[in-house]
Amino acid sequence: MEFMRILLSMLVLIFHGSTGVLSEGGLLVLDYYKETCPLVEEIVRRNVQIAVLRDPRMAASLLRLHFHDCFVLGCDGSILLDSFGDMISEKLAGPNLNSVRGFEVIDNIKYLVEEACPYTVSCADILAIAARDSVALLGRKDSLKSSFDGANQFIPLPNSSLETLINNFKQQGLDIRDLVTLSGGHTMGKARCVSFRQRIYEKSIEETFDHYKRYNTYRRILQSICPESGRDNTLAALDFRTPTRFDNLYFQNVVEGKGLLHSDNVLVNEDLEGEIREQVWAYASDQQLFFDSFVNSILKMGNINVLTGSEGEIRKHCRFVNP
């Protein structure tokens, strides 16, 4: 819950006295539901807290769910849709299948919000609030479609190269600084063996010439968890030091070559110009700098291709478009 308190306090400071931010589709504002559904943020926050108390992984899972939603059609709740007719759900795409979670939490919150304010609050906004459990810019509408192909194309993969990651983020209007900052979301949560197997059985140049065995111990631990075949769904912490705490130790791990995923370690290993490595070092040594930057980047991400005004709809059930 430390993660929740940090984001809430920083967002209040950043947006105190602010009215909103202009996006391509319209206006997102802080108090969008002040008159129409004044209790929505309290309902979401309370139920996220309950979910996280039951399952500490859920804070990271909801953040990741929001990330995967925004990187496909935009932050429009399209990832929440089930398959229907000719439309294949994004949930079935490679980066999401047996991986993203938290749908039941969103379903439960949506049910309670509908009881209080029918056809008023979008699933996209509920997901945005739940992912941050904090003050959020609101006013999104829900998508009428899902994009299975888009999910396979635009969501970064755990074995991506640095060049691929940079291009993935650039396609969403996010820069290198956002890439490094949002990678810090891996300070919480876990990943499946199938996501990091390649990373632990293929040695990098640094590891090949690792005379001081800095990498070998961590590698052996991961290999004991994840064999070369089988046990695909066995979990390991993304941040082995503080797996349930939102802090800057993820970046200290990356500096030491102990990021769980290949896509974590390339931030240092494949940065030829040193710009990204410098930012990783900065966050590793200054936790508050990371916190401040994370708030800015996640709000920037939350404005990717949002639907507002007459675009989209307010779904009654997050898994299906309205009849």
C-alpha atoms as a PDB file:
ATOM      1  CA  MET A   1       0.000   0.000   0.000  1.00  0.00           C
ATOM      2  CA  GLU A   2       3.047   2.233   0.192  1.00  0.00           C
ATOM      3  CA  PHE A   3       2.806   2.551  -3.605  1.00  0.00           C
ATOM      4  CA  MET A   4      -0.743   3.868  -3.287  1.00  0.00           C
ATOM      5  CA  ARG A   5       0.155   6.460  -0.673  1.00  0.00           C
ATOM      6  CA  ILE A   6       3.134   7.725  -2.684  1.00  0.00           C
ATOM      7  CA  LEU A   7       1.164   8.259  -5.880  1.00  0.00           C
ATOM      8  CA  LEU A   8      -1.772   9.857  -4.094  1.00  0.00           C
ATOM      9  CA  SER A   9       0.355  12.389  -2.234  1.00  0.00           C
ATOM     10  CA  MET A  10       2.444  13.317  -5.269  1.00  0.00           C
ATOM     11  CA  LEU A  11      -0.520  13.652  -7.596  1.00  0.00           C
ATOM     12  CA  VAL A  12      -2.289  15.937  -5.150  1.00  0.00           C
ATOM     13  CA  LEU A  13       0.795  18.147  -5.048  1.00  0.00           C
ATOM     14  CA  ILE A  14       1.224  18.183  -8.813  1.00  0.00           C
ATOM     15  CA  PHE A  15      -2.402  18.876  -9.700  1.00  0.00           C
ATOM     16  CA  HIS A  16      -3.603  21.008  -6.798  1.00  0.00           C
ATOM     17  CA  GLY A  17      -5.501  23.855  -8.402  1.00  0.00           C
ATOM     18  CA  SER A  18      -5.293  22.272 -11.860  1.00  0.00           C
ATOM     19  CA  THR A  19      -8.403  21.851 -14.042  1.00  0.00           C
ATOM     20  CA  GLY A  20      -7.266  19.283 -16.574  1.00  0.00           C
ATOM     21  CA  VAL A  21      -5.155  18.484 -19.585  1.00  0.00           C
ATOM     22  CA  LEU A  22      -6.155  18.818 -23.210  1.00  0.00           C
ATOM     23  CA  SER A  23      -5.914  15.590 -25.158  1.00  0.00           C
ATOM     24  CA  GLU A  24      -6.446  14.988 -28.836  1.00  0.00           C
ATOM     25  CA  GLY A  25      -9.986  13.722 -28.311  1.00  0.00           C
ATOM     26  CA  GLY A  26     -11.148  16.240 -25.722  1.00  0.00           C
ATOM     27  CA  LEU A  27     -10.692  17.270 -22.125  1.00  0.00           C
ATOM     28  CA  LEU A  28      -9.719  15.010 -19.246  1.00  0.00           C
ATOM     29  CA  VAL A  29     -10.306  16.624 -15.871  1.00  0.00           C
ATOM     30  CA  LEU A  30      -9.745  15.849 -12.211  1.00  0.00           C
ATOM     31  CA  ASP A  31     -13.352  16.245 -11.030  1.00  0.00           C
ATOM     32  CA  TYR A  32     -15.103  14.794 -14.073  1.00  0.00           C
ATOM     33  CA  TYR A  33     -17.551  12.787 -11.926  1.00  0.00           C
ATOM     34  CA  LYS A  34     -17.948  15.353  -9.127  1.00  0.00           C
ATOM     35  CA  GLU A  35     -21.624  15.916  -9.889  1.00  0.00           C
ATOM     36  CA  THR A  36     -22.607  12.684 -11.620  1.00  0.00           C
ATOM     37  CA  CYS A  37     -20.833  10.097  -9.428  1.00  0.00           C
ATOM     38  CA  PRO A  38     -19.096  11.768  -6.490  1.00  0.00           C
ATOM     39  CA  LEU A  39     -18.248   8.507  -4.690  1.00  0.00           C
ATOM     40  CA  VAL A  40     -16.563   6.729  -7.603  1.00  0.00           C
ATOM     41  CA  GLU A  41     -12.967   7.287  -6.475  1.00  0.00           C
ATOM     42  CA  GLU A  42     -13.809   6.230  -2.915  1.00  0.00           C
ATOM     43  CA  ILE A  43     -15.491   3.053  -4.209  1.00  0.00           C
ATOM     44  CA  VAL A  44     -12.525   2.203  -6.436  1.00  0.00           C
ATOM     45  CA  ARG A  45      -9.930   2.993  -3.802  1.00  0.00           C
ATOM     46  CA  ARG A  46     -11.609   0.985  -1.060  1.00  0.00           C
ATOM     47  CA  ASN A  47     -11.980  -2.094  -3.246  1.00  0.00           C
ATOM     48  CA  VAL A  48      -8.440  -1.889  -4.608  1.00  0.00           C
ATOM     49  CA  GLN A  49      -7.169  -1.800  -1.029  1.00  0.00           C
ATOM     50  CA  ILE A  50      -9.227  -4.877  -0.172  1.00  0.00           C
ATOM     51  CA  ALA A  51      -7.936  -6.691  -3.266  1.00  0.00           C
ATOM     52  CA  VAL A  52      -4.313  -5.845  -2.442  1.00  0.00           C
ATOM     53  CA  LEU A  53      -4.723  -6.981   1.164  1.00  0.00           C
ATOM     54  CA  ARG A  54      -5.961 -10.325  -0.141  1.00  0.00           C
ATOM     55  CA  ASP A  55      -3.277 -10.550  -2.827  1.00  0.00           C
ATOM     56  CA  PRO A  56      -0.256  -8.222  -2.531  1.00  0.00           C
ATOM     57  CA  ARG A  57       0.573  -8.855  -6.215  1.00  0.00           C
ATOM     58  CA  MET A  58      -2.630  -7.115  -7.271  1.00  0.00           C
ATOM     59  CA  ALA A  59      -1.183  -3.574  -7.048  1.00  0.00           C
ATOM     60  CA  ALA A  60       1.421  -4.464  -9.681  1.00  0.00           C
ATOM     61  CA  SER A  61      -1.133  -6.442 -11.708  1.00  0.00           C
ATOM     62  CA  LEU A  62      -3.544  -3.505 -11.997  1.00  0.00           C
ATOM     63  CA  LEU A  63      -0.721  -1.174 -12.991  1.00  0.00           C
ATOM     64  CA  ARG A  64       0.352  -3.639 -15.680  1.00  0.00           C
ATOM     65  CA  LEU A  65      -3.242  -4.064 -16.875  1.00  0.00           C
ATOM     66  CA  HIS A  66      -3.481  -0.300 -17.401  1.00  0.00           C
ATOM     67  CA  PHE A  67      -0.126  -0.311 -19.228  1.00  0.00           C
ATOM     68  CA  HIS A  68      -1.189  -3.111 -21.595  1.00  0.00           C
ATOM     69  CA  ASP A  69      -4.501  -1.370 -22.262  1.00  0.00           C
ATOM     70  CA  CYS A  70      -2.885   1.942 -23.177  1.00  0.00           C
ATOM     71  CA  PHE A  71      -0.296   0.435 -25.542  1.00  0.00           C
ATOM     72  CA  VAL A  72      -2.801  -1.056 -27.987  1.00  0.00           C
ATOM     73  CA  LEU A  73      -5.724   1.168 -29.038  1.00  0.00           C
ATOM     74  CA  GLY A  74      -5.084   3.728 -26.324  1.00  0.00           C
ATOM     75  CA  CYS A  75      -6.355   3.973 -22.750  1.00  0.00           C
ATOM     76  CA  ASP A  76      -9.890   2.914 -23.633  1.00  0.00           C
ATOM     77  CA  GLY A  77     -10.583  -0.281 -21.705  1.00  0.00           C
ATOM     78  CA  SER A  78     -10.288  -2.429 -24.845  1.00  0.00           C
ATOM     79  CA  ILE A  79      -8.194  -5.008 -22.952  1.00  0.00           C
ATOM     80  CA  LEU A  80     -11.197  -5.704 -20.706  1.00  0.00           C
ATOM     81  CA  LEU A  81     -13.404  -6.943 -23.561  1.00  0.00           C
ATOM     82  CA  ASP A  82     -14.018 -10.676 -23.990  1.00  0.00           C
ATOM     83  CA  SER A  83     -14.123 -12.264 -27.428  1.00  0.00           C
ATOM     84  CA  PHE A  84     -17.490 -11.860 -29.139  1.00  0.00           C
ATOM     85  CA  GLY A  85     -18.505 -12.824 -32.658  1.00  0.00           C
ATOM     86  CA  ASP A  86     -15.636 -12.070 -35.033  1.00  0.00           C
ATOM     87  CA  MET A  87     -13.798  -9.943 -32.456  1.00  0.00           C
ATOM     88  CA  ILE A  88     -10.898 -11.714 -30.726  1.00  0.00           C
ATOM     89  CA  SER A  89     -10.107 -10.427 -27.265  1.00  0.00           C
ATOM     90  CA  GLU A  90      -6.766  -8.799 -26.502  1.00  0.00           C
ATOM     91  CA  LYS A  91      -6.670 -11.131 -23.505  1.00  0.00           C
ATOM     92  CA  LEU A  92      -5.792 -13.973 -25.882  1.00  0.00           C
ATOM     93  CA  ALA A  93      -2.802 -12.198 -27.461  1.00  0.00           C
ATOM     94  CA  GLY A  94       0.672 -13.539 -26.690  1.00  0.00           C
ATOM     95  CA  PRO A  95       1.761 -10.783 -24.265  1.00  0.00           C
ATOM     96  CA  ASN A  96      -1.501 -11.103 -22.292  1.00  0.00           C
ATOM     97  CA  LEU A  97      -2.484 -14.785 -22.336  1.00  0.00           C
ATOM     98  CA  ASN A  98      -2.035 -16.404 -18.903  1.00  0.00           C
ATOM     99  CA  SER A  99      -0.162 -13.247 -17.915  1.00  0.00           C
ATOM    100  CA  VAL A 100      -2.259 -10.115 -17.294  1.00  0.00           C
ATOM    101  CA  ARG A 101      -4.638 -10.375 -14.365  1.00  0.00           C
ATOM    102  CA  GLY A 102      -6.968  -8.293 -12.218  1.00  0.00           C
ATOM    103  CA  PHE A 103     -10.038  -8.519 -14.459  1.00  0.00           C
ATOM    104  CA  GLU A 104     -12.219  -9.810 -11.618  1.00  0.00           C
ATOM    105  CA  VAL A 105     -11.222  -6.844  -9.456  1.00  0.00           C
ATOM    106  CA  ILE A 106     -12.295  -4.422 -12.201  1.00  0.00           C
ATOM    107  CA  ASP A 107     -15.537  -6.394 -12.739  1.00  0.00           C
ATOM    108  CA  ASN A 108     -16.391  -6.154  -9.051  1.00  0.00           C
ATOM    109  CA  ILE A 109     -15.639  -2.433  -8.898  1.00  0.00           C
ATOM    110  CA  LYS A 110     -17.678  -1.791 -12.034  1.00  0.00           C
ATOM    111  CA  TYR A 111     -20.665  -3.644 -10.516  1.00  0.00           C
ATOM    112  CA  LEU A 112     -20.522  -1.477  -7.389  1.00  0.00           C
ATOM    113  CA  VAL A 113     -20.092   1.725  -9.398  1.00  0.00           C
ATOM    114  CA  GLU A 114     -23.068   0.799 -11.615  1.00  0.00           C
ATOM    115  CA  GLU A 115     -25.156   0.283  -8.481  1.00  0.00           C
ATOM    116  CA  ALA A 116     -24.288   3.826  -7.372  1.00  0.00           C
ATOM    117  CA  CYS A 117     -24.200   5.582 -10.747  1.00  0.00           C
ATOM    118  CA  PRO A 118     -25.664   3.607 -13.687  1.00  0.00           C
ATOM    119  CA  TYR A 119     -24.133   4.202 -17.148  1.00  0.00           C
ATOM    120  CA  THR A 120     -21.975   7.040 -15.858  1.00  0.00           C
ATOM    121  CA  VAL A 121     -18.381   5.909 -15.215  1.00  0.00           C
ATOM    122  CA  SER A 122     -16.399   4.236 -17.994  1.00  0.00           C
ATOM    123  CA  CYS A 123     -14.448   1.033 -17.515  1.00  0.00           C
ATOM    124  CA  ALA A 124     -11.410   2.870 -18.901  1.00  0.00           C
ATOM    125  CA  ASP A 125     -11.589   5.440 -16.097  1.00  0.00           C
ATOM    126  CA  ILE A 126     -12.152   2.750 -13.456  1.00  0.00           C
ATOM    127  CA  LEU A 127      -9.011   0.992 -14.668  1.00  0.00           C
ATOM    128  CA  ALA A 128      -7.053   4.259 -14.626  1.00  0.00           C
ATOM    129  CA  ILE A 129      -8.106   4.997 -11.041  1.00  0.00           C
ATOM    130  CA  ALA A 130      -7.538   1.407  -9.908  1.00  0.00           C
ATOM    131  CA  ALA A 131      -4.055   1.271 -11.425  1.00  0.00           C
ATOM    132  CA  ARG A 132      -2.982   4.336  -9.440  1.00  0.00           C
ATOM    133  CA  ASP A 133      -5.469   4.251  -6.541  1.00  0.00           C
ATOM    134  CA  SER A 134      -5.048   8.009  -6.578  1.00  0.00           C
ATOM    135  CA  VAL A 135      -6.217  11.294  -8.059  1.00  0.00           C
ATOM    136  CA  ALA A 136      -6.516  10.773 -11.810  1.00  0.00           C
ATOM    137  CA  LEU A 137      -7.498  12.813 -14.841  1.00  0.00           C
ATOM    138  CA  LEU A 138     -10.851  11.403 -15.943  1.00  0.00           C
ATOM    139  CA  GLY A 139     -13.373  11.580 -18.735  1.00  0.00           C
ATOM    140  CA  ARG A 140     -12.416   8.614 -20.927  1.00  0.00           C
ATOM    141  CA  LYS A 141     -14.985   6.614 -22.855  1.00  0.00           C
ATOM    142  CA  ASP A 142     -14.828   2.867 -23.497  1.00  0.00           C
ATOM    143  CA  SER A 143     -13.758   1.422 -26.814  1.00  0.00           C
ATOM    144  CA  LEU A 144     -16.296  -0.407 -28.981  1.00  0.00           C
ATOM    145  CA  LYS A 145     -13.679  -2.881 -30.184  1.00  0.00           C
ATOM    146  CA  SER A 146     -10.680  -4.932 -29.167  1.00  0.00           C
ATOM    147  CA  SER A 147      -7.449  -5.434 -31.137  1.00  0.00           C
ATOM    148  CA  PHE A 148      -5.891  -8.881 -30.883  1.00  0.00           C
ATOM    149  CA  ASP A 149      -3.349  -8.025 -33.607  1.00  0.00           C
ATOM    150  CA  GLY A 150      -2.519  -4.706 -31.970  1.00  0.00           C
ATOM    151  CA  ALA A 151      -1.823  -6.413 -28.650  1.00  0.00           C
ATOM    152  CA  ASN A 152       0.612  -8.782 -30.351  1.00  0.00           C
ATOM    153  CA  GLN A 153       2.268  -5.911 -32.208  1.00  0.00           C
ATOM    154  CA  PHE A 154       2.547  -3.041 -29.742  1.00  0.00           C
ATOM    155  CA  ILE A 155       2.941  -4.476 -26.231  1.00  0.00           C
ATOM    156  CA  PRO A 156       6.658  -4.782 -25.364  1.00  0.00           C
ATOM    157  CA  LEU A 157       7.865  -8.348 -24.828  1.00  0.00           C
ATOM    158  CA  PRO A 158      10.113  -9.532 -21.975  1.00  0.00           C
ATOM    159  CA  ASN A 159      12.892 -10.504 -24.387  1.00  0.00           C
ATOM    160  CA  SER A 160      12.801  -7.263 -26.408  1.00  0.00           C
ATOM    161  CA  SER A 161      16.000  -5.505 -27.392  1.00  0.00           C
ATOM    162  CA  LEU A 162      16.573  -1.915 -26.324  1.00  0.00           C
ATOM    163  CA  GLU A 163      15.994  -0.711 -29.885  1.00  0.00           C
ATOM    164  CA  THR A 164      12.651  -2.513 -30.008  1.00  0.00           C
ATOM    165  CA  LEU A 165      11.603  -1.055 -26.660  1.00  0.00           C
ATOM    166  CA  ILE A 166      12.482   2.468 -27.775  1.00  0.00           C
ATOM    167  CA  ASN A 167      10.418   2.007 -30.940  1.00  0.00           C
ATOM    168  CA  ASN A 168       7.469   0.537 -28.978  1.00  0.00           C
ATOM    169  CA  PHE A 169       7.371   3.563 -26.709  1.00  0.00           C
ATOM    170  CA  LYS A 170       7.933   6.043 -29.541  1.00  0.00           C
ATOM    171  CA  GLN A 171       4.873   4.676 -31.348  1.00  0.00           C
ATOM    172  CA  GLN A 172       2.835   5.683 -28.302  1.00  0.00           C
ATOM    173  CA  GLY A 173       4.282   9.186 -28.095  1.00  0.00           C
ATOM    174  CA  LEU A 174       6.555   8.251 -25.185  1.00  0.00           C
ATOM    175  CA  ASP A 175      10.273   9.024 -25.113  1.00  0.00           C
ATOM    176  CA  ILE A 176      13.377   7.344 -23.708  1.00  0.00           C
ATOM    177  CA  ARG A 177      12.896   8.972 -20.328  1.00  0.00           C
ATOM    178  CA  ASP A 178       9.371   7.528 -20.150  1.00  0.00           C
ATOM    179  CA  LEU A 179      10.739   4.109 -21.134  1.00  0.00           C
ATOM    180  CA  VAL A 180      13.227   4.031 -18.273  1.00  0.00           C
ATOM    181  CA  THR A 181      10.780   5.526 -15.782  1.00  0.00           C
ATOM    182  CA  LEU A 182       7.878   3.199 -16.559  1.00  0.00           C
ATOM    183  CA  SER A 183      10.244   0.206 -16.522  1.00  0.00           C
ATOM    184  CA  GLY A 184      10.505   1.048 -12.832  1.00  0.00           C
ATOM    185  CA  GLY A 185       7.010  -0.389 -12.482  1.00  0.00           C
ATOM    186  CA  HIS A 186       8.881  -3.704 -12.305  1.00  0.00           C
ATOM    187  CA  THR A 187       9.792  -2.769  -8.751  1.00  0.00           C
ATOM    188  CA  MET A 188       6.685  -4.786  -7.799  1.00  0.00           C
ATOM    189  CA  GLY A 189       5.114  -7.987  -9.016  1.00  0.00           C
ATOM    190  CA  LYS A 190       6.256 -11.288 -10.449  1.00  0.00           C
ATOM    191  CA  ALA A 191       6.915 -12.854 -13.849  1.00  0.00           C
ATOM    192  CA  ARG A 192       6.455 -16.388 -15.147  1.00  0.00           C
ATOM    193  CA  CYS A 193       9.382 -18.670 -15.879  1.00  0.00           C
ATOM    194  CA  VAL A 194       8.549 -18.635 -19.589  1.00  0.00           C
ATOM    195  CA  SER A 195       9.157 -14.869 -19.581  1.00  0.00           C
ATOM    196  CA  PHE A 196      12.708 -14.991 -18.224  1.00  0.00           C
ATOM    197  CA  ARG A 197      13.977 -18.450 -19.291  1.00  0.00           C
ATOM    198  CA  GLN A 198      15.872 -17.098 -22.313  1.00  0.00           C
ATOM    199  CA  ARG A 199      17.530 -14.460 -20.129  1.00  0.00           C
ATOM    200  CA  ILE A 200      18.994 -17.022 -17.691  1.00  0.00           C
ATOM    201  CA  TYR A 201      20.174 -19.647 -20.190  1.00  0.00           C
ATOM    202  CA  GLU A 202      21.837 -17.303 -22.703  1.00  0.00           C
ATOM    203  CA  LYS A 203      24.877 -15.498 -21.330  1.00  0.00           C
ATOM    204  CA  SER A 204      25.577 -11.894 -22.260  1.00  0.00           C
ATOM    205  CA  ILE A 205      29.096 -10.638 -23.006  1.00  0.00           C
ATOM    206  CA  GLU A 206      29.303  -9.152 -19.519  1.00  0.00           C
ATOM    207  CA  GLU A 207      28.403 -12.470 -17.943  1.00  0.00           C
ATOM    208  CA  THR A 208      30.834 -14.440 -20.109  1.00  0.00           C
ATOM    209  CA  PHE A 209      33.756 -12.401 -18.751  1.00  0.00           C
ATOM    210  CA  ASP A 210      32.388 -12.138 -15.222  1.00  0.00           C
ATOM    211  CA  HIS A 211      35.565 -13.004 -13.311  1.00  0.00           C
ATOM    212  CA  TYR A 212      34.066 -11.928  -9.986  1.00  0.00           C
ATOM    213  CA  LYS A 213      30.974 -14.143 -10.443  1.00  0.00           C
ATOM    214  CA  ARG A 214      28.626 -11.225  -9.845  1.00  0.00           C
ATOM    215  CA  TYR A 215      26.009 -12.627 -12.204  1.00  0.00           C
ATOM    216  CA  ASN A 216      26.427 -16.372 -11.637  1.00  0.00           C
ATOM    217  CA  THR A 217      24.852 -16.573  -8.179  1.00  0.00           C
ATOM    218  CA  TYR A 218      21.678 -14.791  -9.237  1.00  0.00           C
ATOM    219  CA  ARG A 219      21.562 -16.865 -12.424  1.00  0.00           C
ATOM    220  CA  ARG A 220      21.848 -20.121 -10.463  1.00  0.00           C
ATOM    221  CA  ILE A 221      19.009 -19.042  -8.165  1.00  0.00           C
ATOM    222  CA  LEU A 222      16.789 -18.323 -11.158  1.00  0.00           C
ATOM    223  CA  GLN A 223      17.768 -21.607 -12.818  1.00  0.00           C
ATOM    224  CA  SER A 224      16.713 -23.468  -9.678  1.00  0.00           C
ATOM    225  CA  ILE A 225      13.300 -21.840 -10.035  1.00  0.00           C
ATOM    226  CA  CYS A 226      13.030 -22.130 -13.808  1.00  0.00           C
ATOM    227  CA  PRO A 227      14.516 -25.208 -15.547  1.00  0.00           C
ATOM    228  CA  GLU A 228      15.327 -25.243 -19.265  1.00  0.00           C
ATOM    229  CA  SER A 229      12.009 -26.936 -19.946  1.00  0.00           C
ATOM    230  CA  GLY A 230       8.792 -27.279 -17.965  1.00  0.00           C
ATOM    231  CA  ARG A 231       7.430 -25.303 -15.018  1.00  0.00           C
ATOM    232  CA  ASP A 232       6.528 -22.440 -17.389  1.00  0.00           C
ATOM    233  CA  ASN A 233       4.131 -20.839 -14.921  1.00  0.00           C
ATOM    234  CA  THR A 234       6.482 -20.824 -11.919  1.00  0.00           C
ATOM    235  CA  LEU A 235       6.818 -17.260 -10.625  1.00  0.00           C
ATOM    236  CA  ALA A 236       9.833 -15.174  -9.630  1.00  0.00           C
ATOM    237  CA  ALA A 237       9.888 -11.646  -8.216  1.00  0.00           C
ATOM    238  CA  LEU A 238      10.707  -8.859 -10.653  1.00  0.00           C
ATOM    239  CA  ASP A 239      12.561  -7.153  -7.798  1.00  0.00           C
ATOM    240  CA  PHE A 240      14.089  -9.884  -5.645  1.00  0.00           C
ATOM    241  CA  ARG A 241      14.975  -7.452  -2.837  1.00  0.00           C
ATOM    242  CA  THR A 242      11.633  -5.789  -2.122  1.00  0.00           C
ATOM    243  CA  PRO A 243       9.066  -7.550  -4.351  1.00  0.00           C
ATOM    244  CA  THR A 244       5.956  -5.937  -2.815  1.00  0.00           C
ATOM    245  CA  ARG A 245       7.300  -2.446  -2.145  1.00  0.00           C
ATOM    246  CA  PHE A 246       7.249   0.475  -4.554  1.00  0.00           C
ATOM    247  CA  ASP A 247      10.813   1.833  -4.321  1.00  0.00           C
ATOM    248  CA  ASN A 248      13.928   2.387  -6.455  1.00  0.00           C
ATOM    249  CA  LEU A 249      15.688  -0.924  -5.770  1.00  0.00           C
ATOM    250  CA  TYR A 250      14.669  -2.211  -9.209  1.00  0.00           C
ATOM    251  CA  PHE A 251      17.179   0.228 -10.691  1.00  0.00           C
ATOM    252  CA  GLN A 252      19.891  -0.888  -8.282  1.00  0.00           C
ATOM    253  CA  ASN A 253      19.241  -4.442  -9.445  1.00  0.00           C
ATOM    254  CA  VAL A 254      19.551  -3.401 -13.100  1.00  0.00           C
ATOM    255  CA  VAL A 255      22.820  -1.594 -12.416  1.00  0.00           C
ATOM    256  CA  GLU A 256      24.152  -4.858 -10.954  1.00  0.00           C
ATOM    257  CA  GLY A 257      22.906  -6.930 -13.907  1.00  0.00           C
ATOM    258  CA  LYS A 258      20.201  -8.518 -11.747  1.00  0.00           C
ATOM    259  CA  GLY A 259      17.069  -7.470 -13.563  1.00  0.00           C
ATOM    260  CA  LEU A 260      14.771 -10.478 -13.931  1.00  0.00           C
ATOM    261  CA  LEU A 261      13.813  -9.901 -17.556  1.00  0.00           C
ATOM    262  CA  HIS A 262      16.047  -9.450 -20.565  1.00  0.00           C
ATOM    263  CA  SER A 263      14.154  -6.219 -21.265  1.00  0.00           C
ATOM    264  CA  ASP A 264      15.233  -4.933 -17.841  1.00  0.00           C
ATOM    265  CA  ASN A 265      18.938  -5.542 -18.325  1.00  0.00           C
ATOM    266  CA  VAL A 266      19.144  -4.091 -21.854  1.00  0.00           C
ATOM    267  CA  LEU A 267      18.595  -0.645 -20.329  1.00  0.00           C
ATOM    268  CA  VAL A 268      22.258  -0.851 -19.335  1.00  0.00           C
ATOM    269  CA  ASN A 269      23.774  -3.612 -21.484  1.00  0.00           C
ATOM    270  CA  GLU A 270      22.633  -2.262 -24.870  1.00  0.00           C
ATOM    271  CA  ASP A 271      22.880   1.472 -24.216  1.00  0.00           C
ATOM    272  CA  LEU A 272      25.853   2.436 -26.377  1.00  0.00           C
ATOM    273  CA  GLU A 273      25.525   6.196 -25.895  1.00  0.00           C
ATOM    274  CA  GLY A 274      25.159   6.090 -22.121  1.00  0.00           C
ATOM    275  CA  GLU A 275      22.085   8.340 -21.868  1.00  0.00           C
ATOM    276  CA  ILE A 276      19.809   5.586 -20.583  1.00  0.00           C
ATOM    277  CA  ARG A 277      22.464   4.158 -18.291  1.00  0.00           C
ATOM    278  CA  GLU A 278      22.873   7.601 -16.752  1.00  0.00           C
ATOM    279  CA  GLN A 279      19.145   7.799 -16.030  1.00  0.00           C
ATOM    280  CA  VAL A 280      19.123   4.305 -14.502  1.00  0.00           C
ATOM    281  CA  TRP A 281      21.995   5.327 -12.217  1.00  0.00           C
ATOM    282  CA  ALA A 282      20.164   8.536 -11.276  1.00  0.00           C
ATOM    283  CA  TYR A 283      17.043   6.625 -10.208  1.00  0.00           C
ATOM    284  CA  ALA A 284      19.140   3.997  -8.413  1.00  0.00           C
ATOM    285  CA  SER A 285      20.701   6.703  -6.262  1.00  0.00           C
ATOM    286  CA  ASP A 286      17.712   9.046  -5.831  1.00  0.00           C
ATOM    287  CA  GLN A 287      14.391   7.445  -4.952  1.00  0.00           C
ATOM    288  CA  GLN A 288      12.449  10.709  -4.853  1.00  0.00           C
ATOM    289  CA  LEU A 289      13.612  11.566  -8.366  1.00  0.00           C
ATOM    290  CA  PHE A 290      12.188   8.244  -9.542  1.00  0.00           C
ATOM    291  CA  PHE A 291       8.890   8.808  -7.708  1.00  0.00           C
ATOM    292  CA  ASP A 292       8.439  12.286  -9.216  1.00  0.00           C
ATOM    293  CA  SER A 293       9.313  11.075 -12.714  1.00  0.00           C
ATOM    294  CA  PHE A 294       7.034   8.042 -12.435  1.00  0.00           C
ATOM    295  CA  VAL A 295       3.994  10.179 -11.697  1.00  0.00           C
ATOM    296  CA  ASN A 296       4.671  12.362 -14.739  1.00  0.00           C
ATOM    297  CA  SER A 297       5.230   9.402 -17.066  1.00  0.00           C
ATOM    298  CA  ILE A 298       2.222   7.370 -15.956  1.00  0.00           C
ATOM    299  CA  LEU A 299      -0.049  10.384 -16.392  1.00  0.00           C
ATOM    300  CA  LYS A 300       1.441  10.941 -19.840  1.00  0.00           C
ATOM    301  CA  MET A 301       0.804   7.292 -20.674  1.00  0.00           C
ATOM    302  CA  GLY A 302      -2.759   7.584 -19.371  1.00  0.00           C
ATOM    303  CA  ASN A 303      -3.531  10.122 -22.104  1.00  0.00           C
ATOM    304  CA  ILE A 304      -2.587   7.910 -25.058  1.00  0.00           C
ATOM    305  CA  ASN A 305      -5.368   8.038 -27.687  1.00  0.00           C
ATOM    306  CA  VAL A 306      -8.187   8.458 -25.176  1.00  0.00           C
ATOM    307  CA  LEU A 307     -11.791   8.486 -26.345  1.00  0.00           C
ATOM    308  CA  THR A 308     -13.825  11.415 -25.012  1.00  0.00           C
ATOM    309  CA  GLY A 309     -17.052  13.267 -25.690  1.00  0.00           C
ATOM    310  CA  SER A 310     -19.202  11.457 -28.254  1.00  0.00           C
ATOM    311  CA  GLU A 311     -16.507   8.860 -29.007  1.00  0.00           C
ATOM    312  CA  GLY A 312     -16.899   5.363 -27.592  1.00  0.00           C
ATOM    313  CA  GLU A 313     -19.463   4.557 -24.902  1.00  0.00           C
ATOM    314  CA  ILE A 314     -19.969   3.908 -21.203  1.00  0.00           C
ATOM    315  CA  ARG A 315     -20.163   0.115 -20.934  1.00  0.00           C
ATOM    316  CA  LYS A 316     -22.515  -1.411 -18.380  1.00  0.00           C
ATOM    317  CA  HIS A 317     -20.296  -4.505 -18.196  1.00  0.00           C
ATOM    318  CA  CYS A 318     -16.589  -4.101 -18.837  1.00  0.00           C
ATOM    319  CA  ARG A 319     -16.300  -7.423 -20.674  1.00  0.00           C
ATOM    320  CA  PHE A 320     -18.875  -6.580 -23.364  1.00  0.00           C
ATOM    321  CA  VAL A 321     -19.920  -3.636 -25.521  1.00  0.00           C
ATOM    322  CA  ASN A 322     -23.466  -2.465 -24.889  1.00  0.00           C
ATOM    323  CA  PRO A 323     -26.229  -4.151 -26.926  1.00  0.00           C
END
